[in-house]
PDB file of N, CA and C in Angstrom:
ATOM      1  N   UNK A   1      17.274   2.457 -13.479  1.00  0.00           N
ATOM      2  CA  UNK A   1      16.402   1.520 -14.094  1.00  0.00           C
ATOM      3  C   UNK A   1      16.231   0.049 -13.620  1.00  0.00           C
ATOM      4  N   UNK A   2      17.302  -0.210 -12.896  1.00  0.00           N
ATOM      5  CA  UNK A   2      17.141  -1.638 -12.190  1.00  0.00           C
ATOM      6  C   UNK A   2      16.138  -1.550 -11.053  1.00  0.00           C
ATOM      7  N   UNK A   3      16.051  -0.434 -10.338  1.00  0.00           N
ATOM      8  CA  UNK A   3      15.034  -0.284  -9.387  1.00  0.00           C
ATOM      9  C   UNK A   3      13.522  -0.533 -10.003  1.00  0.00           C
ATOM     10  N   UNK A   4      13.380   0.075 -11.000  1.00  0.00           N
ATOM     11  CA  UNK A   4      12.102  -0.063 -11.792  1.00  0.00           C
ATOM     12  C   UNK A   4      11.860  -1.613 -12.375  1.00  0.00           C
ATOM     13  N   UNK A   5      12.841  -2.228 -12.640  1.00  0.00           N
ATOM     14  CA  UNK A   5      12.738  -3.566 -13.096  1.00  0.00           C
ATOM     15  C   UNK A   5      12.200  -4.383 -11.830  1.00  0.00           C
ATOM     16  N   UNK A   6      12.960  -4.359 -10.820  1.00  0.00           N
ATOM     17  CA  UNK A   6      12.510  -4.875  -9.554  1.00  0.00           C
ATOM     18  C   UNK A   6      11.236  -4.684  -9.114  1.00  0.00           C
ATOM     19  N   UNK A   7      10.809  -3.352  -9.283  1.00  0.00           N
ATOM     20  CA  UNK A   7       9.345  -3.117  -8.783  1.00  0.00           C
ATOM     21  C   UNK A   7       8.406  -3.808  -9.628  1.00  0.00           C
ATOM     22  N   UNK A   8       8.622  -3.917 -10.909  1.00  0.00           N
ATOM     23  CA  UNK A   8       7.669  -4.646 -11.922  1.00  0.00           C
ATOM     24  C   UNK A   8       7.638  -6.272 -11.548  1.00  0.00           C
ATOM     25  N   UNK A   9       8.613  -6.629 -11.057  1.00  0.00           N
ATOM     26  CA  UNK A   9       8.617  -8.191 -10.726  1.00  0.00           C
ATOM     27  C   UNK A   9       7.988  -8.394  -9.410  1.00  0.00           C
ATOM     28  N   UNK A  10       7.538  -7.556  -8.672  1.00  0.00           N
ATOM     29  CA  UNK A  10       6.733  -7.790  -7.372  1.00  0.00           C
ATOM     30  C   UNK A  10       5.434  -8.400  -7.603  1.00  0.00           C
ATOM     31  N   UNK A  11       5.017  -9.298  -6.596  1.00  0.00           N
ATOM     32  CA  UNK A  11       3.815  -9.939  -6.608  1.00  0.00           C
ATOM     33  C   UNK A  11       2.764  -9.006  -6.601  1.00  0.00           C
ATOM     34  N   UNK A  12       1.574  -8.979  -7.165  1.00  0.00           N
ATOM     35  CA  UNK A  12       0.563  -8.183  -7.195  1.00  0.00           C
ATOM     36  C   UNK A  12      -0.197  -8.431  -5.810  1.00  0.00           C
ATOM     37  N   UNK A  13      -1.074  -7.519  -5.354  1.00  0.00           N
ATOM     38  CA  UNK A  13      -1.736  -7.541  -4.044  1.00  0.00           C
ATOM     39  C   UNK A  13      -2.502  -9.083  -4.137  1.00  0.00           C
ATOM     40  N   UNK A  14      -2.359  -9.715  -2.865  1.00  0.00           N
ATOM     41  CA  UNK A  14      -3.158 -10.969  -2.847  1.00  0.00           C
ATOM     42  C   UNK A  14      -4.469 -10.749  -1.763  1.00  0.00           C
ATOM     43  N   UNK A  15      -4.640  -9.723  -1.409  1.00  0.00           N
ATOM     44  CA  UNK A  15      -5.819  -9.398  -0.507  1.00  0.00           C
ATOM     45  C   UNK A  15      -6.541  -8.225  -0.931  1.00  0.00           C
ATOM     46  N   UNK A  16      -7.315  -8.324  -2.047  1.00  0.00           N
ATOM     47  CA  UNK A  16      -8.034  -7.170  -2.668  1.00  0.00           C
ATOM     48  C   UNK A  16      -8.736  -6.486  -1.716  1.00  0.00           C
ATOM     49  N   UNK A  17      -9.498  -7.146  -0.762  1.00  0.00           N
ATOM     50  CA  UNK A  17     -10.467  -6.338   0.228  1.00  0.00           C
ATOM     51  C   UNK A  17      -9.596  -5.499   1.208  1.00  0.00           C
ATOM     52  N   UNK A  18      -8.350  -6.022   1.594  1.00  0.00           N
ATOM     53  CA  UNK A  18      -7.523  -5.339   2.505  1.00  0.00           C
ATOM     54  C   UNK A  18      -7.056  -4.060   1.781  1.00  0.00           C
ATOM     55  N   UNK A  19      -6.615  -4.160   0.501  1.00  0.00           N
ATOM     56  CA  UNK A  19      -6.150  -3.086  -0.176  1.00  0.00           C
ATOM     57  C   UNK A  19      -7.417  -1.991  -0.329  1.00  0.00           C
ATOM     58  N   UNK A  20      -8.540  -2.436  -0.688  1.00  0.00           N
ATOM     59  CA  UNK A  20      -9.498  -1.561  -0.847  1.00  0.00           C
ATOM     60  C   UNK A  20      -9.957  -0.796   0.555  1.00  0.00           C
ATOM     61  N   UNK A  21     -10.077  -1.588   1.627  1.00  0.00           N
ATOM     62  CA  UNK A  21     -10.085  -1.014   2.885  1.00  0.00           C
ATOM     63  C   UNK A  21      -9.132   0.138   3.232  1.00  0.00           C
ATOM     64  N   UNK A  22      -7.931  -0.112   3.021  1.00  0.00           N
ATOM     65  CA  UNK A  22      -6.748   0.746   3.313  1.00  0.00           C
ATOM     66  C   UNK A  22      -7.138   2.054   2.320  1.00  0.00           C
ATOM     67  N   UNK A  23      -7.245   1.764   1.202  1.00  0.00           N
ATOM     68  CA  UNK A  23      -7.399   2.971   0.136  1.00  0.00           C
ATOM     69  C   UNK A  23      -8.846   3.962   0.447  1.00  0.00           C
ATOM     70  N   UNK A  24      -9.781   3.169   0.870  1.00  0.00           N
ATOM     71  CA  UNK A  24     -11.066   3.800   1.293  1.00  0.00           C
ATOM     72  C   UNK A  24     -10.793   4.647   2.559  1.00  0.00           C
ATOM     73  N   UNK A  25     -10.131   4.004   3.521  1.00  0.00           N
ATOM     74  CA  UNK A  25      -9.954   4.871   4.856  1.00  0.00           C
ATOM     75  C   UNK A  25      -9.092   6.109   4.506  1.00  0.00           C
ATOM     76  N   UNK A  26      -8.118   5.820   3.736  1.00  0.00           N
ATOM     77  CA  UNK A  26      -7.115   7.059   3.295  1.00  0.00           C
ATOM     78  C   UNK A  26      -8.005   8.155   2.600  1.00  0.00           C
ATOM     79  N   UNK A  27      -9.057   7.780   1.791  1.00  0.00           N
ATOM     80  CA  UNK A  27      -9.865   8.762   1.077  1.00  0.00           C
ATOM     81  C   UNK A  27     -10.741   9.426   1.974  1.00  0.00           C
ATOM     82  N   UNK A  28     -11.177   8.772   2.985  1.00  0.00           N
ATOM     83  CA  UNK A  28     -12.165   9.248   4.013  1.00  0.00           C
ATOM     84  C   UNK A  28     -11.364  10.244   4.980  1.00  0.00           C
ATOM     85  N   UNK A  29     -10.143   9.887   5.270  1.00  0.00           N
ATOM     86  CA  UNK A  29      -9.305  10.762   6.086  1.00  0.00           C
ATOM     87  C   UNK A  29      -7.902  10.763   5.756  1.00  0.00           C
ATOM     88  N   UNK A  30      -7.414  11.694   4.966  1.00  0.00           N
ATOM     89  CA  UNK A  30      -6.117  11.665   4.370  1.00  0.00           C
ATOM     90  C   UNK A  30      -4.954  11.718   5.545  1.00  0.00           C
ATOM     91  N   UNK A  31      -5.444  12.188   6.674  1.00  0.00           N
ATOM     92  CA  UNK A  31      -4.509  12.528   7.825  1.00  0.00           C
ATOM     93  C   UNK A  31      -3.849  11.240   8.355  1.00  0.00           C
ATOM     94  N   UNK A  32      -4.789   9.979   7.920  1.00  0.00           N
ATOM     95  CA  UNK A  32      -4.214   8.559   8.447  1.00  0.00           C
ATOM     96  C   UNK A  32      -3.322   7.985   7.524  1.00  0.00           C
ATOM     97  N   UNK A  33      -2.923   8.737   6.477  1.00  0.00           N
ATOM     98  CA  UNK A  33      -1.844   8.125   5.578  1.00  0.00           C
ATOM     99  C   UNK A  33      -0.547   7.993   6.269  1.00  0.00           C
ATOM    100  N   UNK A  34       0.033   8.854   7.192  1.00  0.00           N
ATOM    101  CA  UNK A  34       1.264   8.526   7.792  1.00  0.00           C
ATOM    102  C   UNK A  34       1.242   7.162   8.488  1.00  0.00           C
ATOM    103  N   UNK A  35       0.225   7.147   9.340  1.00  0.00           N
ATOM    104  CA  UNK A  35      -0.066   5.837  10.057  1.00  0.00           C
ATOM    105  C   UNK A  35      -0.121   4.627   9.486  1.00  0.00           C
ATOM    106  N   UNK A  36      -0.968   4.769   8.282  1.00  0.00           N
ATOM    107  CA  UNK A  36      -1.023   3.517   7.351  1.00  0.00           C
ATOM    108  C   UNK A  36       0.278   3.242   6.754  1.00  0.00           C
ATOM    109  N   UNK A  37       1.172   4.182   6.355  1.00  0.00           N
ATOM    110  CA  UNK A  37       2.541   4.004   5.873  1.00  0.00           C
ATOM    111  C   UNK A  37       3.450   3.230   6.860  1.00  0.00           C
ATOM    112  N   UNK A  38       3.287   3.748   8.072  1.00  0.00           N
ATOM    113  CA  UNK A  38       4.106   2.987   9.217  1.00  0.00           C
ATOM    114  C   UNK A  38       3.921   1.744   9.211  1.00  0.00           C
ATOM    115  N   UNK A  39       2.616   1.222   9.214  1.00  0.00           N
ATOM    116  CA  UNK A  39       2.223  -0.289   9.329  1.00  0.00           C
ATOM    117  C   UNK A  39       2.540  -0.904   8.127  1.00  0.00           C
ATOM    118  N   UNK A  40       2.543  -0.485   6.985  1.00  0.00           N
ATOM    119  CA  UNK A  40       2.817  -1.170   5.744  1.00  0.00           C
ATOM    120  C   UNK A  40       4.412  -1.278   5.748  1.00  0.00           C
ATOM    121  N   UNK A  41       5.095  -0.373   6.260  1.00  0.00           N
ATOM    122  CA  UNK A  41       6.543  -0.592   6.201  1.00  0.00           C
ATOM    123  C   UNK A  41       7.132  -1.649   7.098  1.00  0.00           C
ATOM    124  N   UNK A  42       6.316  -1.904   8.321  1.00  0.00           N
ATOM    125  CA  UNK A  42       6.684  -2.958   9.038  1.00  0.00           C
ATOM    126  C   UNK A  42       6.316  -4.366   8.402  1.00  0.00           C
ATOM    127  N   UNK A  43       5.405  -4.531   7.679  1.00  0.00           N
ATOM    128  CA  UNK A  43       5.016  -5.770   7.300  1.00  0.00           C
ATOM    129  C   UNK A  43       5.676  -6.236   6.042  1.00  0.00           C
TER     130      UNK A  43
END
């Protein structure tokens, strides 16, 4: 339950356009999801 509480306290996305672009790209080509996750984990 503590993990859920920590997740709920996170700051919401600050770059809506970037999030929309990422999600749109994944919708167009779902094979790109693993690459996108690697980039997101590093940032």
